[in-house]
């Protein structure tokens, strides 16, 4: 009686490693863009909570200060849309980020956030 060996062949192992490398490369390119978006969203939410009676110029200045600290470069203070909803200040922004993947292939990601939670 011969015992059959079970396990992965070398071809399957190489295929899995290549697939993991492609996923890791994709993640390393996309995650910094997403982290910047999360920092910008957190900044406008914090500013909206703190500056309920602030003028748009004060709000833009506060965002500029936070963007310097959090290294937010995709959004400028003039890109913010500032409105009032009753007594609450609502700050929103929208932008498109191009993430180059390799050679002539890239990925466009549309980001949009509102301090009201939408």
N, C-alpha and C. Protein backbone atom coordinates (compact mmCIF):
# COMPACT_ATOMS: atom_id res chain seq x y z
N UNK A 1 0.82 -1.18 0.00
CA UNK A 1 0.00 0.00 0.00
C UNK A 1 0.87 1.25 0.00
N UNK A 2 0.58 2.07 -0.95
CA UNK A 2 1.30 3.32 -1.03
C UNK A 2 0.46 4.44 -0.43
N UNK A 3 1.09 5.25 0.37
CA UNK A 3 0.40 6.41 0.93
C UNK A 3 0.48 7.58 -0.05
N UNK A 4 -0.64 8.19 -0.30
CA UNK A 4 -0.67 9.36 -1.18
C UNK A 4 -0.28 10.59 -0.39
N UNK A 5 0.58 11.36 -0.96
CA UNK A 5 0.95 12.61 -0.31
C UNK A 5 -0.09 13.66 -0.63
N UNK A 6 -0.36 14.50 0.34
CA UNK A 6 -1.29 15.59 0.08
C UNK A 6 -0.57 16.90 0.41
N UNK A 7 -1.00 17.94 -0.26
CA UNK A 7 -0.37 19.24 -0.05
C UNK A 7 -0.43 20.05 -1.33
N UNK A 8 0.27 21.16 -1.33
CA UNK A 8 0.28 22.05 -2.48
C UNK A 8 1.45 21.71 -3.39
N UNK A 9 1.19 21.78 -4.67
CA UNK A 9 2.29 21.62 -5.62
C UNK A 9 3.04 22.94 -5.72
N UNK A 10 4.20 22.90 -6.31
CA UNK A 10 5.02 24.11 -6.43
C UNK A 10 4.34 25.15 -7.32
N UNK A 11 3.59 24.73 -8.32
CA UNK A 11 2.89 25.66 -9.21
C UNK A 11 1.77 26.39 -8.46
N UNK A 12 1.05 25.69 -7.64
CA UNK A 12 0.00 26.32 -6.86
C UNK A 12 0.61 27.29 -5.86
N UNK A 13 1.70 26.91 -5.25
CA UNK A 13 2.38 27.79 -4.30
C UNK A 13 2.86 29.07 -4.98
N UNK A 14 3.45 28.96 -6.15
CA UNK A 14 3.92 30.14 -6.89
C UNK A 14 2.74 31.02 -7.30
N UNK A 15 1.65 30.41 -7.74
CA UNK A 15 0.45 31.17 -8.13
C UNK A 15 -0.11 31.94 -6.94
N UNK A 16 -0.18 31.30 -5.80
CA UNK A 16 -0.69 31.97 -4.60
C UNK A 16 0.23 33.10 -4.19
N UNK A 17 1.53 32.91 -4.26
CA UNK A 17 2.47 33.97 -3.90
C UNK A 17 2.38 35.16 -4.85
N UNK A 18 2.21 34.91 -6.15
CA UNK A 18 2.06 35.99 -7.12
C UNK A 18 0.77 36.76 -6.85
N UNK A 19 -0.30 36.04 -6.57
CA UNK A 19 -1.58 36.68 -6.26
C UNK A 19 -1.47 37.55 -5.00
N UNK A 20 -0.80 37.04 -3.97
CA UNK A 20 -0.60 37.82 -2.75
C UNK A 20 0.26 39.05 -3.01
N UNK A 21 1.26 38.94 -3.86
CA UNK A 21 2.11 40.08 -4.19
C UNK A 21 1.32 41.16 -4.92
N UNK A 22 0.44 40.77 -5.83
CA UNK A 22 -0.38 41.74 -6.57
C UNK A 22 -1.34 42.45 -5.61
N UNK A 23 -1.97 41.70 -4.72
CA UNK A 23 -2.88 42.30 -3.75
C UNK A 23 -2.12 43.24 -2.81
N UNK A 24 -0.94 42.85 -2.37
CA UNK A 24 -0.14 43.71 -1.49
C UNK A 24 0.28 44.98 -2.21
N UNK A 25 0.68 44.89 -3.47
CA UNK A 25 1.05 46.07 -4.25
C UNK A 25 -0.14 47.01 -4.40
N UNK A 26 -1.29 46.46 -4.72
CA UNK A 26 -2.51 47.26 -4.85
C UNK A 26 -2.83 47.96 -3.53
N UNK A 27 -2.74 47.24 -2.43
CA UNK A 27 -3.04 47.81 -1.11
C UNK A 27 -2.04 48.91 -0.75
N UNK A 28 -0.77 48.71 -1.04
CA UNK A 28 0.23 49.72 -0.71
C UNK A 28 0.03 51.00 -1.51
N UNK A 29 -0.58 50.92 -2.68
CA UNK A 29 -0.84 52.11 -3.48
C UNK A 29 -2.12 52.83 -3.05
N UNK A 30 -3.14 52.08 -2.64
CA UNK A 30 -4.46 52.65 -2.36
C UNK A 30 -4.61 53.12 -0.91
N UNK A 31 -4.02 52.42 0.02
CA UNK A 31 -4.23 52.72 1.45
C UNK A 31 -3.79 54.14 1.84
N UNK A 32 -2.66 54.68 1.37
CA UNK A 32 -2.32 56.06 1.74
C UNK A 32 -3.38 57.09 1.31
N UNK A 33 -3.97 56.88 0.15
CA UNK A 33 -5.02 57.78 -0.32
C UNK A 33 -6.24 57.70 0.60
N UNK A 34 -6.61 56.49 1.00
CA UNK A 34 -7.75 56.32 1.89
C UNK A 34 -7.47 56.91 3.27
N UNK A 35 -6.25 56.75 3.76
CA UNK A 35 -5.89 57.32 5.07
C UNK A 35 -5.95 58.85 5.05
N UNK A 36 -5.54 59.44 3.93
CA UNK A 36 -5.63 60.90 3.81
C UNK A 36 -7.09 61.34 3.81
N UNK A 37 -7.95 60.59 3.13
CA UNK A 37 -9.38 60.91 3.13
C UNK A 37 -9.96 60.82 4.54
N UNK A 38 -9.60 59.77 5.28
CA UNK A 38 -10.10 59.61 6.65
C UNK A 38 -9.61 60.76 7.54
N UNK A 39 -8.38 61.21 7.35
CA UNK A 39 -7.87 62.33 8.13
C UNK A 39 -8.63 63.62 7.80
N UNK A 40 -8.92 63.84 6.53
CA UNK A 40 -9.66 65.03 6.12
C UNK A 40 -11.09 64.99 6.65
N UNK A 41 -11.70 63.83 6.60
CA UNK A 41 -13.06 63.69 7.12
C UNK A 41 -13.09 63.93 8.63
N UNK A 42 -12.12 63.37 9.33
CA UNK A 42 -12.02 63.60 10.77
C UNK A 42 -11.80 65.07 11.10
N UNK A 43 -11.02 65.75 10.28
CA UNK A 43 -10.75 67.16 10.50
C UNK A 43 -12.01 68.01 10.34
N UNK A 44 -12.79 67.76 9.29
CA UNK A 44 -14.00 68.59 9.11
C UNK A 44 -15.04 68.26 10.17
N UNK A 45 -15.11 67.02 10.62
CA UNK A 45 -16.06 66.68 11.68
C UNK A 45 -15.68 67.36 12.99
N UNK A 46 -14.39 67.37 13.32
CA UNK A 46 -13.94 68.03 14.55
C UNK A 46 -14.14 69.53 14.47
N UNK A 47 -13.86 70.12 13.33
CA UNK A 47 -14.03 71.56 13.17
C UNK A 47 -15.50 71.93 13.26
N UNK A 48 -16.38 71.13 12.67
CA UNK A 48 -17.81 71.42 12.72
C UNK A 48 -18.33 71.35 14.15
N UNK A 49 -17.79 70.43 14.96
CA UNK A 49 -18.21 70.34 16.36
C UNK A 49 -17.70 71.53 17.17
N UNK A 50 -16.47 71.95 16.91
CA UNK A 50 -15.85 73.01 17.71
C UNK A 50 -16.30 74.41 17.31
N UNK A 51 -16.54 74.63 16.05
CA UNK A 51 -16.77 75.99 15.52
C UNK A 51 -18.24 76.20 15.14
N UNK A 52 -19.15 76.02 16.04
CA UNK A 52 -20.56 76.18 15.72
C UNK A 52 -20.92 77.61 15.30
N UNK A 53 -20.29 78.61 15.90
CA UNK A 53 -20.62 79.99 15.56
C UNK A 53 -19.56 80.66 14.72
N UNK A 54 -18.63 79.88 14.16
CA UNK A 54 -17.52 80.46 13.41
C UNK A 54 -17.91 80.92 12.02
N UNK A 55 -17.14 81.86 11.52
CA UNK A 55 -17.35 82.34 10.15
C UNK A 55 -16.67 81.36 9.19
N UNK A 56 -17.03 81.39 7.93
CA UNK A 56 -16.36 80.53 6.96
C UNK A 56 -14.84 80.75 6.91
N UNK A 57 -14.40 81.98 7.10
CA UNK A 57 -12.95 82.25 7.10
C UNK A 57 -12.27 81.56 8.29
N UNK A 58 -12.93 81.59 9.46
CA UNK A 58 -12.38 80.89 10.64
C UNK A 58 -12.31 79.39 10.41
N UNK A 59 -13.35 78.86 9.80
CA UNK A 59 -13.41 77.42 9.54
C UNK A 59 -12.33 77.01 8.55
N UNK A 60 -12.14 77.80 7.50
CA UNK A 60 -11.09 77.49 6.52
C UNK A 60 -9.70 77.58 7.15
N UNK A 61 -9.50 78.56 8.02
CA UNK A 61 -8.22 78.70 8.71
C UNK A 61 -7.96 77.50 9.63
N UNK A 62 -9.01 77.06 10.33
CA UNK A 62 -8.87 75.90 11.21
C UNK A 62 -8.56 74.64 10.40
N UNK A 63 -9.19 74.52 9.23
CA UNK A 63 -8.90 73.35 8.38
C UNK A 63 -7.47 73.43 7.85
N UNK A 64 -7.03 74.61 7.49
CA UNK A 64 -5.66 74.75 7.00
C UNK A 64 -4.65 74.35 8.08
N UNK A 65 -4.91 74.73 9.33
CA UNK A 65 -4.03 74.34 10.43
C UNK A 65 -4.02 72.83 10.63
N UNK A 66 -5.21 72.23 10.59
CA UNK A 66 -5.28 70.77 10.76
C UNK A 66 -4.67 70.03 9.58
N UNK A 67 -4.84 70.57 8.38
CA UNK A 67 -4.28 69.89 7.21
C UNK A 67 -2.76 69.94 7.21
N UNK A 68 -2.20 70.98 7.79
CA UNK A 68 -0.75 71.06 7.93
C UNK A 68 -0.25 69.98 8.89
N UNK A 69 -0.95 69.82 9.99
CA UNK A 69 -0.55 68.83 10.99
C UNK A 69 -0.77 67.40 10.49
N UNK A 70 -1.92 67.16 9.85
CA UNK A 70 -2.28 65.80 9.41
C UNK A 70 -1.77 65.46 8.02
N UNK A 71 -1.04 66.37 7.38
CA UNK A 71 -0.48 66.16 6.04
C UNK A 71 -1.57 65.85 5.01
N UNK A 72 -2.57 66.71 4.96
CA UNK A 72 -3.65 66.60 3.98
C UNK A 72 -3.32 67.53 2.83
N UNK A 73 -3.02 66.96 1.67
CA UNK A 73 -2.61 67.79 0.54
C UNK A 73 -3.61 67.75 -0.62
N UNK A 74 -4.56 66.85 -0.59
CA UNK A 74 -5.52 66.73 -1.69
C UNK A 74 -6.63 67.77 -1.64
N UNK A 75 -6.87 68.32 -0.45
CA UNK A 75 -7.95 69.28 -0.27
C UNK A 75 -7.36 70.58 0.27
N UNK A 76 -7.72 71.65 -0.35
CA UNK A 76 -7.31 72.97 0.11
C UNK A 76 -8.49 73.62 0.85
N UNK A 77 -8.23 74.59 1.71
CA UNK A 77 -9.32 75.23 2.45
C UNK A 77 -10.40 75.84 1.53
N UNK A 78 -10.02 76.30 0.35
CA UNK A 78 -11.01 76.87 -0.57
C UNK A 78 -11.90 75.81 -1.20
N UNK A 79 -11.52 74.53 -1.12
CA UNK A 79 -12.33 73.45 -1.67
C UNK A 79 -13.49 73.06 -0.75
N UNK A 80 -13.49 73.57 0.47
CA UNK A 80 -14.54 73.23 1.42
C UNK A 80 -15.83 73.96 1.08
N UNK A 81 -16.94 73.26 1.22
CA UNK A 81 -18.26 73.86 1.07
C UNK A 81 -18.85 73.98 2.46
N UNK A 82 -19.08 75.21 2.88
CA UNK A 82 -19.53 75.47 4.25
C UNK A 82 -20.95 76.03 4.20
N UNK A 83 -21.87 75.34 4.89
CA UNK A 83 -23.26 75.77 4.96
C UNK A 83 -23.74 75.67 6.40
N UNK A 84 -24.92 76.22 6.63
CA UNK A 84 -25.55 76.12 7.95
C UNK A 84 -26.83 75.31 7.81
N UNK A 85 -27.05 74.42 8.76
CA UNK A 85 -28.29 73.64 8.83
C UNK A 85 -28.88 73.91 10.21
N UNK A 86 -29.76 74.91 10.28
CA UNK A 86 -30.25 75.36 11.58
C UNK A 86 -29.14 76.09 12.30
N UNK A 87 -28.76 75.59 13.47
CA UNK A 87 -27.65 76.17 14.22
C UNK A 87 -26.33 75.46 13.94
N UNK A 88 -26.38 74.34 13.27
CA UNK A 88 -25.19 73.52 13.04
C UNK A 88 -24.46 73.95 11.77
N UNK A 89 -23.16 73.91 11.84
CA UNK A 89 -22.31 74.18 10.68
C UNK A 89 -22.07 72.85 9.96
N UNK A 90 -22.30 72.83 8.66
CA UNK A 90 -22.08 71.64 7.85
C UNK A 90 -20.94 71.93 6.87
N UNK A 91 -19.89 71.13 6.97
CA UNK A 91 -18.73 71.28 6.11
C UNK A 91 -18.65 70.05 5.23
N UNK A 92 -18.44 70.24 3.94
CA UNK A 92 -18.34 69.10 3.03
C UNK A 92 -17.27 69.35 1.99
N UNK A 93 -16.82 68.26 1.39
CA UNK A 93 -15.85 68.33 0.30
C UNK A 93 -16.03 67.11 -0.59
N UNK A 94 -15.54 67.24 -1.80
CA UNK A 94 -15.54 66.13 -2.76
C UNK A 94 -14.34 66.32 -3.68
N UNK A 95 -13.67 65.22 -3.97
CA UNK A 95 -12.54 65.29 -4.88
C UNK A 95 -12.27 63.92 -5.49
N UNK A 96 -11.52 63.92 -6.57
CA UNK A 96 -11.13 62.69 -7.25
C UNK A 96 -9.63 62.52 -7.12
N UNK A 97 -9.22 61.34 -6.72
CA UNK A 97 -7.80 61.03 -6.54
C UNK A 97 -7.39 59.99 -7.58
N UNK A 98 -6.31 60.26 -8.28
CA UNK A 98 -5.77 59.28 -9.23
C UNK A 98 -4.61 58.57 -8.55
N UNK A 99 -4.71 57.24 -8.50
CA UNK A 99 -3.66 56.43 -7.91
C UNK A 99 -3.00 55.64 -9.03
N UNK A 100 -1.75 55.97 -9.39
CA UNK A 100 -1.08 55.20 -10.43
C UNK A 100 -0.69 53.82 -9.90
N UNK A 101 -1.07 52.79 -10.62
CA UNK A 101 -0.76 51.43 -10.18
C UNK A 101 0.55 50.94 -10.80
N UNK A 102 0.61 50.85 -12.11
CA UNK A 102 1.83 50.46 -12.80
C UNK A 102 1.71 50.87 -14.26
N UNK A 103 2.83 51.18 -14.88
CA UNK A 103 2.91 51.56 -16.28
C UNK A 103 1.85 52.61 -16.60
N UNK A 104 0.94 52.31 -17.53
CA UNK A 104 -0.11 53.24 -17.92
C UNK A 104 -1.44 52.93 -17.26
N UNK A 105 -1.42 52.18 -16.19
CA UNK A 105 -2.66 51.78 -15.51
C UNK A 105 -2.77 52.55 -14.20
N UNK A 106 -3.93 53.14 -14.01
CA UNK A 106 -4.19 53.88 -12.78
C UNK A 106 -5.60 53.62 -12.30
N UNK A 107 -5.90 54.17 -11.15
CA UNK A 107 -7.21 53.98 -10.53
C UNK A 107 -7.71 55.34 -10.09
N UNK A 108 -8.94 55.68 -10.48
CA UNK A 108 -9.58 56.90 -10.01
C UNK A 108 -10.51 56.56 -8.86
N UNK A 109 -10.38 57.32 -7.77
CA UNK A 109 -11.24 57.12 -6.61
C UNK A 109 -11.93 58.45 -6.32
N UNK A 110 -13.25 58.45 -6.25
CA UNK A 110 -14.02 59.63 -5.91
C UNK A 110 -14.30 59.61 -4.42
N UNK A 111 -13.82 60.62 -3.71
CA UNK A 111 -14.05 60.75 -2.28
C UNK A 111 -15.03 61.90 -2.04
N UNK A 112 -15.91 61.70 -1.07
CA UNK A 112 -16.88 62.71 -0.70
C UNK A 112 -17.19 62.56 0.78
N UNK A 113 -17.22 63.66 1.51
CA UNK A 113 -17.52 63.59 2.94
C UNK A 113 -18.28 64.85 3.36
N UNK A 114 -19.10 64.67 4.38
CA UNK A 114 -19.87 65.76 4.98
C UNK A 114 -19.73 65.65 6.48
N UNK A 115 -19.61 66.76 7.15
CA UNK A 115 -19.45 66.74 8.59
C UNK A 115 -20.72 66.28 9.30
N UNK A 116 -21.85 66.28 8.61
CA UNK A 116 -23.10 65.82 9.21
C UNK A 116 -23.22 64.32 9.28
N UNK A 117 -22.24 63.58 8.77
CA UNK A 117 -22.26 62.12 8.84
C UNK A 117 -22.79 61.44 7.60
N UNK A 118 -23.20 62.21 6.57
CA UNK A 118 -23.70 61.59 5.34
C UNK A 118 -22.58 61.14 4.45
